[in-house]
Amino acid sequence: MNNKKKTSRFDDLIDAARSRQQRDNLQPTEAQPNSLSKSTDPEYIRTTIYLPKQLHRKLKATAASQERQMSDIMTELVEQWLLSNNQAKDGNS
């Protein structure tokens, strides 16, 4: 027979959270990467764009197949567009 005291249904969740907190606090600082992710890098800003679903699916699949992030591809494309747009302006002046 199990002599374990019956606990609240939340006790397991609380124990798991405490275990995770202890695990995270025990990690040495050398193990943490020095580079920032885009979400924490102050040089980046999050923005929203709207794409047709099919275009988004193709972009996502192609980015995954090339092991690239969609945001890197979008940055590259916007930079190219801005460069061509500025060249067009300079040619019309």
C-alpha atoms as a PDB file:
ATOM      1  CA  MET A   1       0.000   0.000   0.000  1.00  0.00           C
ATOM      2  CA  ASN A   2       1.220   3.487  -0.801  1.00  0.00           C
ATOM      3  CA  ASN A   3       1.904   5.479   2.400  1.00  0.00           C
ATOM      4  CA  LYS A   4       2.626   8.690   0.482  1.00  0.00           C
ATOM      5  CA  LYS A   5       0.576  11.632   1.714  1.00  0.00           C
ATOM      6  CA  LYS A   6      -2.039  12.758  -0.789  1.00  0.00           C
ATOM      7  CA  THR A   7      -1.045  16.156  -2.182  1.00  0.00           C
ATOM      8  CA  SER A   8      -2.775  18.961  -3.976  1.00  0.00           C
ATOM      9  CA  ARG A   9      -2.947  18.708  -7.752  1.00  0.00           C
ATOM     10  CA  PHE A  10      -0.782  21.813  -7.936  1.00  0.00           C
ATOM     11  CA  ASP A  11       2.036  20.466  -5.759  1.00  0.00           C
ATOM     12  CA  ASP A  12       3.652  18.693  -8.717  1.00  0.00           C
ATOM     13  CA  LEU A  13       3.542  21.891 -10.767  1.00  0.00           C
ATOM     14  CA  ILE A  14       5.004  23.938  -7.934  1.00  0.00           C
ATOM     15  CA  ASP A  15       7.763  21.367  -7.392  1.00  0.00           C
ATOM     16  CA  ALA A  16       8.562  21.376 -11.101  1.00  0.00           C
ATOM     17  CA  ALA A  17       8.763  25.179 -11.150  1.00  0.00           C
ATOM     18  CA  ARG A  18      11.039  25.204  -8.116  1.00  0.00           C
ATOM     19  CA  SER A  19      13.266  22.533  -9.645  1.00  0.00           C
ATOM     20  CA  ARG A  20      13.543  24.503 -12.857  1.00  0.00           C
ATOM     21  CA  GLN A  21      14.326  27.703 -10.974  1.00  0.00           C
ATOM     22  CA  GLN A  22      17.067  25.949  -9.000  1.00  0.00           C
ATOM     23  CA  ARG A  23      18.462  24.387 -12.171  1.00  0.00           C
ATOM     24  CA  ASP A  24      18.529  27.733 -13.957  1.00  0.00           C
ATOM     25  CA  ASN A  25      20.201  29.458 -11.008  1.00  0.00           C
ATOM     26  CA  LEU A  26      22.935  26.820 -10.843  1.00  0.00           C
ATOM     27  CA  GLN A  27      24.123  27.319 -14.430  1.00  0.00           C
ATOM     28  CA  PRO A  28      27.576  28.903 -14.543  1.00  0.00           C
ATOM     29  CA  THR A  29      27.747  32.236 -16.320  1.00  0.00           C
ATOM     30  CA  GLU A  30      30.428  30.884 -18.679  1.00  0.00           C
ATOM     31  CA  ALA A  31      27.901  28.440 -20.131  1.00  0.00           C
ATOM     32  CA  GLN A  32      25.586  31.251 -21.190  1.00  0.00           C
ATOM     33  CA  PRO A  33      26.256  32.653 -24.660  1.00  0.00           C
ATOM     34  CA  ASN A  34      27.706  36.143 -24.850  1.00  0.00           C
ATOM     35  CA  SER A  35      25.742  37.101 -27.940  1.00  0.00           C
ATOM     36  CA  LEU A  36      22.237  38.461 -27.588  1.00  0.00           C
ATOM     37  CA  SER A  37      19.262  37.006 -29.355  1.00  0.00           C
ATOM     38  CA  LYS A  38      17.382  39.371 -31.600  1.00  0.00           C
ATOM     39  CA  SER A  39      14.609  39.640 -29.040  1.00  0.00           C
ATOM     40  CA  THR A  40      17.021  40.954 -26.402  1.00  0.00           C
ATOM     41  CA  ASP A  41      19.423  42.840 -28.672  1.00  0.00           C
ATOM     42  CA  PRO A  42      18.760  46.596 -28.430  1.00  0.00           C
ATOM     43  CA  GLU A  43      19.882  46.984 -32.060  1.00  0.00           C
ATOM     44  CA  TYR A  44      16.781  45.098 -33.225  1.00  0.00           C
ATOM     45  CA  ILE A  45      13.126  46.035 -33.142  1.00  0.00           C
ATOM     46  CA  ARG A  46      10.203  43.682 -33.561  1.00  0.00           C
ATOM     47  CA  THR A  47       7.734  44.556 -36.283  1.00  0.00           C
ATOM     48  CA  THR A  48       4.735  42.953 -37.921  1.00  0.00           C
ATOM     49  CA  ILE A  49       4.167  42.463 -41.608  1.00  0.00           C
ATOM     50  CA  TYR A  50       1.222  40.907 -43.370  1.00  0.00           C
ATOM     51  CA  LEU A  51       1.925  38.349 -46.082  1.00  0.00           C
ATOM     52  CA  PRO A  52      -0.441  36.192 -48.075  1.00  0.00           C
ATOM     53  CA  LYS A  53      -0.614  32.720 -46.499  1.00  0.00           C
ATOM     54  CA  GLN A  54       0.887  30.947 -49.498  1.00  0.00           C
ATOM     55  CA  LEU A  55       3.813  33.377 -49.645  1.00  0.00           C
ATOM     56  CA  HIS A  56       4.424  32.940 -45.910  1.00  0.00           C
ATOM     57  CA  ARG A  57       4.395  29.133 -46.270  1.00  0.00           C
ATOM     58  CA  LYS A  58       6.886  29.285 -49.141  1.00  0.00           C
ATOM     59  CA  LEU A  59       9.137  31.688 -47.251  1.00  0.00           C
ATOM     60  CA  LYS A  60       9.040  29.541 -44.132  1.00  0.00           C
ATOM     61  CA  ALA A  61       9.762  26.317 -46.036  1.00  0.00           C
ATOM     62  CA  THR A  62      12.595  27.844 -48.033  1.00  0.00           C
ATOM     63  CA  ALA A  63      14.145  29.448 -44.949  1.00  0.00           C
ATOM     64  CA  ALA A  64      14.008  26.106 -43.135  1.00  0.00           C
ATOM     65  CA  SER A  65      15.542  24.241 -46.079  1.00  0.00           C
ATOM     66  CA  GLN A  66      18.417  26.766 -46.130  1.00  0.00           C
ATOM     67  CA  GLU A  67      18.681  26.732 -42.317  1.00  0.00           C
ATOM     68  CA  ARG A  68      18.099  30.486 -42.210  1.00  0.00           C
ATOM     69  CA  GLN A  69      15.763  32.640 -40.183  1.00  0.00           C
ATOM     70  CA  MET A  70      12.887  34.311 -41.973  1.00  0.00           C
ATOM     71  CA  SER A  71      13.812  37.610 -40.322  1.00  0.00           C
ATOM     72  CA  ASP A  72      17.311  37.426 -41.847  1.00  0.00           C
ATOM     73  CA  ILE A  73      15.836  36.886 -45.298  1.00  0.00           C
ATOM     74  CA  MET A  74      13.398  39.768 -44.811  1.00  0.00           C
ATOM     75  CA  THR A  75      16.244  42.031 -43.638  1.00  0.00           C
ATOM     76  CA  GLU A  76      18.263  41.138 -46.722  1.00  0.00           C
ATOM     77  CA  LEU A  77      15.310  41.830 -49.007  1.00  0.00           C
ATOM     78  CA  VAL A  78      14.449  45.160 -47.383  1.00  0.00           C
ATOM     79  CA  GLU A  79      18.095  46.258 -47.616  1.00  0.00           C
ATOM     80  CA  GLN A  80      18.146  45.342 -51.334  1.00  0.00           C
ATOM     81  CA  TRP A  81      14.877  47.183 -51.910  1.00  0.00           C
ATOM     82  CA  LEU A  82      16.127  50.297 -50.116  1.00  0.00           C
ATOM     83  CA  LEU A  83      19.380  50.227 -52.060  1.00  0.00           C
ATOM     84  CA  SER A  84      17.569  49.942 -55.407  1.00  0.00           C
ATOM     85  CA  ASN A  85      15.062  52.599 -54.360  1.00  0.00           C
ATOM     86  CA  ASN A  86      17.869  55.019 -53.450  1.00  0.00           C
ATOM     87  CA  GLN A  87      19.684  54.315 -56.714  1.00  0.00           C
ATOM     88  CA  ALA A  88      16.494  55.069 -58.645  1.00  0.00           C
ATOM     89  CA  LYS A  89      16.148  58.386 -56.783  1.00  0.00           C
ATOM     90  CA  ASP A  90      19.779  59.286 -57.467  1.00  0.00           C
ATOM     91  CA  GLY A  91      19.310  58.519 -61.165  1.00  0.00           C
ATOM     92  CA  ASN A  92      16.249  60.782 -61.390  1.00  0.00           C
ATOM     93  CA  SER A  93      17.914  63.801 -59.777  1.00  0.00           C
END
